[in-house]
C-alpha atoms as a PDB file:
ATOM      1  CA  GLN A   1       0.039  -0.117  -0.136  1.00  0.00           C
ATOM      2  CA  VAL A   2       1.031   3.364  -0.915  1.00  0.00           C
ATOM      3  CA  GLN A   3       0.186   6.704   0.922  1.00  0.00           C
ATOM      4  CA  LEU A   4       0.086   9.958  -0.755  1.00  0.00           C
ATOM      5  CA  VAL A   5       0.404  13.110   0.972  1.00  0.00           C
ATOM      6  CA  GLU A   6      -0.253  16.441  -1.085  1.00  0.00           C
ATOM      7  CA  SER A   7       0.546  20.027   0.130  1.00  0.00           C
ATOM      8  CA  GLY A   8       0.704  23.410  -1.038  1.00  0.00           C
ATOM      9  CA  GLY A   9      -2.539  24.380  -2.540  1.00  0.00           C
ATOM     10  CA  GLY A  10      -4.502  27.875  -1.769  1.00  0.00           C
ATOM     11  CA  SER A  11      -5.710  30.776  -2.913  1.00  0.00           C
ATOM     12  CA  VAL A  12      -3.881  33.317  -5.396  1.00  0.00           C
ATOM     13  CA  GLN A  13      -4.638  36.290  -7.788  1.00  0.00           C
ATOM     14  CA  PRO A  14      -4.710  35.790 -11.550  1.00  0.00           C
ATOM     15  CA  GLY A  15      -0.928  35.765 -12.523  1.00  0.00           C
ATOM     16  CA  GLY A  16       0.441  34.467  -9.161  1.00  0.00           C
ATOM     17  CA  SER A  17       2.328  30.976  -8.380  1.00  0.00           C
ATOM     18  CA  LEU A  18       1.874  28.177  -6.662  1.00  0.00           C
ATOM     19  CA  ARG A  19       4.021  24.771  -5.892  1.00  0.00           C
ATOM     20  CA  LEU A  20       2.211  21.725  -5.192  1.00  0.00           C
ATOM     21  CA  SER A  21       4.034  18.754  -3.646  1.00  0.00           C
ATOM     22  CA  CYS A  22       3.095  15.019  -3.176  1.00  0.00           C
ATOM     23  CA  ALA A  23       5.207  12.665  -0.928  1.00  0.00           C
ATOM     24  CA  ALA A  24       4.672   8.989  -1.112  1.00  0.00           C
ATOM     25  CA  SER A  25       5.319   6.478   1.532  1.00  0.00           C
ATOM     26  CA  GLY A  26       4.672   2.965   2.188  1.00  0.00           C
ATOM     27  CA  ARG A  27       6.221  -0.455   2.518  1.00  0.00           C
ATOM     28  CA  SER A  28       8.738  -2.087  -0.419  1.00  0.00           C
ATOM     29  CA  PHE A  29       7.520   0.051  -3.569  1.00  0.00           C
ATOM     30  CA  SER A  30       9.321   1.326  -6.376  1.00  0.00           C
ATOM     31  CA  ILE A  31       7.488   4.417  -8.307  1.00  0.00           C
ATOM     32  CA  SER A  32       7.006   4.261 -11.806  1.00  0.00           C
ATOM     33  CA  ALA A  33       5.068   7.277 -13.385  1.00  0.00           C
ATOM     34  CA  MET A  34       3.963  10.272 -11.212  1.00  0.00           C
ATOM     35  CA  GLY A  35       1.609  12.949 -12.292  1.00  0.00           C
ATOM     36  CA  TRP A  36      -0.719  15.689 -11.443  1.00  0.00           C
ATOM     37  CA  TYR A  37      -4.464  15.755 -12.328  1.00  0.00           C
ATOM     38  CA  ARG A  38      -7.277  18.233 -11.578  1.00  0.00           C
ATOM     39  CA  GLN A  39     -10.933  18.407 -11.225  1.00  0.00           C
ATOM     40  CA  ALA A  40     -13.164  21.499 -11.337  1.00  0.00           C
ATOM     41  CA  PRO A  41     -16.540  21.839 -10.072  1.00  0.00           C
ATOM     42  CA  GLY A  42     -19.070  20.228 -12.561  1.00  0.00           C
ATOM     43  CA  LYS A  43     -15.937  18.743 -14.684  1.00  0.00           C
ATOM     44  CA  GLN A  44     -14.433  15.119 -15.044  1.00  0.00           C
ATOM     45  CA  ARG A  45     -10.908  15.071 -13.568  1.00  0.00           C
ATOM     46  CA  GLU A  46      -8.402  15.363 -16.201  1.00  0.00           C
ATOM     47  CA  LEU A  47      -4.571  15.064 -16.642  1.00  0.00           C
ATOM     48  CA  VAL A  48      -2.374  18.097 -16.258  1.00  0.00           C
ATOM     49  CA  ALA A  49       1.176  16.921 -16.227  1.00  0.00           C
ATOM     50  CA  THR A  50       2.857  13.556 -15.743  1.00  0.00           C
ATOM     51  CA  MET A  51       6.545  12.358 -15.509  1.00  0.00           C
ATOM     52  CA  PRO A  52       7.529   8.674 -16.180  1.00  0.00           C
ATOM     53  CA  ASN A  53      10.827   7.327 -14.107  1.00  0.00           C
ATOM     54  CA  GLY A  54      13.672   8.351 -15.883  1.00  0.00           C
ATOM     55  CA  GLY A  55      11.472   9.837 -18.811  1.00  0.00           C
ATOM     56  CA  SER A  56      10.476  13.264 -20.214  1.00  0.00           C
ATOM     57  CA  ALA A  57       7.459  15.106 -18.810  1.00  0.00           C
ATOM     58  CA  TYR A  58       4.192  15.352 -20.902  1.00  0.00           C
ATOM     59  CA  TYR A  59       2.052  18.417 -20.399  1.00  0.00           C
ATOM     60  CA  ALA A  60      -1.736  19.101 -21.135  1.00  0.00           C
ATOM     61  CA  ASP A  61      -1.932  21.953 -23.795  1.00  0.00           C
ATOM     62  CA  PHE A  62      -3.608  24.296 -21.465  1.00  0.00           C
ATOM     63  CA  VAL A  63      -0.485  24.322 -18.873  1.00  0.00           C
ATOM     64  CA  LYS A  64       2.418  24.216 -21.285  1.00  0.00           C
ATOM     65  CA  GLY A  65       4.927  26.796 -20.857  1.00  0.00           C
ATOM     66  CA  ARG A  66       3.122  27.877 -17.492  1.00  0.00           C
ATOM     67  CA  PHE A  67       3.492  24.739 -15.218  1.00  0.00           C
ATOM     68  CA  THR A  68       6.258  22.594 -14.738  1.00  0.00           C
ATOM     69  CA  ILE A  69       6.436  18.951 -13.034  1.00  0.00           C
ATOM     70  CA  SER A  70       9.507  17.696 -11.616  1.00  0.00           C
ATOM     71  CA  ARG A  71      10.238  14.351  -9.214  1.00  0.00           C
ATOM     72  CA  ASP A  72      12.985  13.661  -6.471  1.00  0.00           C
ATOM     73  CA  ASN A  73      13.201   9.927  -6.425  1.00  0.00           C
ATOM     74  CA  ALA A  74      15.236   9.716  -3.290  1.00  0.00           C
ATOM     75  CA  LYS A  75      12.137  11.395  -1.586  1.00  0.00           C
ATOM     76  CA  ASN A  76       9.452   9.636  -3.692  1.00  0.00           C
ATOM     77  CA  THR A  77       7.979  13.130  -4.098  1.00  0.00           C
ATOM     78  CA  VAL A  78       6.474  14.886  -7.200  1.00  0.00           C
ATOM     79  CA  TYR A  79       6.173  18.643  -7.511  1.00  0.00           C
ATOM     80  CA  LEU A  80       4.033  20.835  -9.786  1.00  0.00           C
ATOM     81  CA  GLN A  81       5.257  24.579 -10.076  1.00  0.00           C
ATOM     82  CA  MET A  82       2.432  26.570 -11.551  1.00  0.00           C
ATOM     83  CA  ASN A  83       3.100  30.014 -12.592  1.00  0.00           C
ATOM     84  CA  SER A  84       0.921  32.700 -14.406  1.00  0.00           C
ATOM     85  CA  LEU A  85      -2.225  30.956 -13.013  1.00  0.00           C
ATOM     86  CA  LYS A  86      -5.425  31.944 -14.309  1.00  0.00           C
ATOM     87  CA  PRO A  87      -8.836  31.522 -12.908  1.00  0.00           C
ATOM     88  CA  GLU A  88      -9.755  28.745 -15.214  1.00  0.00           C
ATOM     89  CA  ASN A  89      -6.953  26.890 -13.351  1.00  0.00           C
ATOM     90  CA  THR A  90      -9.023  26.784 -10.285  1.00  0.00           C
ATOM     91  CA  ALA A  91      -9.752  23.055  -9.397  1.00  0.00           C
ATOM     92  CA  VAL A  92      -8.757  20.287  -6.747  1.00  0.00           C
ATOM     93  CA  TYR A  93      -5.461  18.967  -7.858  1.00  0.00           C
ATOM     94  CA  TYR A  94      -4.670  15.186  -7.162  1.00  0.00           C
ATOM     95  CA  CYS A  95      -1.244  13.414  -7.572  1.00  0.00           C
ATOM     96  CA  ASN A  96      -1.546  10.110  -9.375  1.00  0.00           C
ATOM     97  CA  VAL A  97       1.467   7.439  -8.713  1.00  0.00           C
ATOM     98  CA  GLY A  98       2.106   4.328 -10.466  1.00  0.00           C
ATOM     99  CA  VAL A  99       4.102   1.671  -8.815  1.00  0.00           C
ATOM    100  CA  TYR A 100       5.995  -1.301 -10.587  1.00  0.00           C
ATOM    101  CA  SER A 101       4.528  -4.766 -10.478  1.00  0.00           C
ATOM    102  CA  VAL A 102       1.288  -2.934  -9.285  1.00  0.00           C
ATOM    103  CA  SER A 103      -1.764  -2.814 -11.475  1.00  0.00           C
ATOM    104  CA  GLN A 104      -3.507  -0.307  -9.970  1.00  0.00           C
ATOM    105  CA  THR A 105      -2.426   3.464  -9.404  1.00  0.00           C
ATOM    106  CA  TYR A 106      -2.615   5.426  -6.302  1.00  0.00           C
ATOM    107  CA  TRP A 107      -4.106   8.757  -5.681  1.00  0.00           C
ATOM    108  CA  GLY A 108      -3.265  12.069  -3.284  1.00  0.00           C
ATOM    109  CA  GLN A 109      -6.185  13.377  -1.204  1.00  0.00           C
ATOM    110  CA  GLY A 110      -6.506  16.261  -3.299  1.00  0.00           C
ATOM    111  CA  THR A 111      -5.602  19.988  -2.777  1.00  0.00           C
ATOM    112  CA  GLN A 112      -7.715  22.918  -3.512  1.00  0.00           C
ATOM    113  CA  VAL A 113      -6.348  25.502  -5.927  1.00  0.00           C
ATOM    114  CA  THR A 114      -8.128  29.085  -6.477  1.00  0.00           C
ATOM    115  CA  VAL A 115      -7.084  31.530  -8.739  1.00  0.00           C
ATOM    116  CA  SER A 116      -9.550  34.621  -7.989  1.00  0.00           C
ATOM    117  CA  SER A 117      -9.022  38.465  -7.901  1.00  0.00           C
END
């Protein structure tokens, strides 16, 4: 079992920045891909960015050039640096982690990001 703890959400004005973190813990696991999803009210959960282990990051078109995903494998932590935030970025952001030799992925509890003036 893998536990994920997210932090870093909050409220910010348009044009501001936030940095989300997601730390994974558990027993005897090896992480494959790490990523971030978001879910706005009344909408489906959608991919924001993902990064495979040792691979290149992938970004949804709506965040390219503004968001950066990174990971620290030694800490089993994934980050999402969000710059130039817009009101339409308001959502609950969830981290998602894959584990080798396990068919399921794991979800964080979600962290609210609100962009408003």
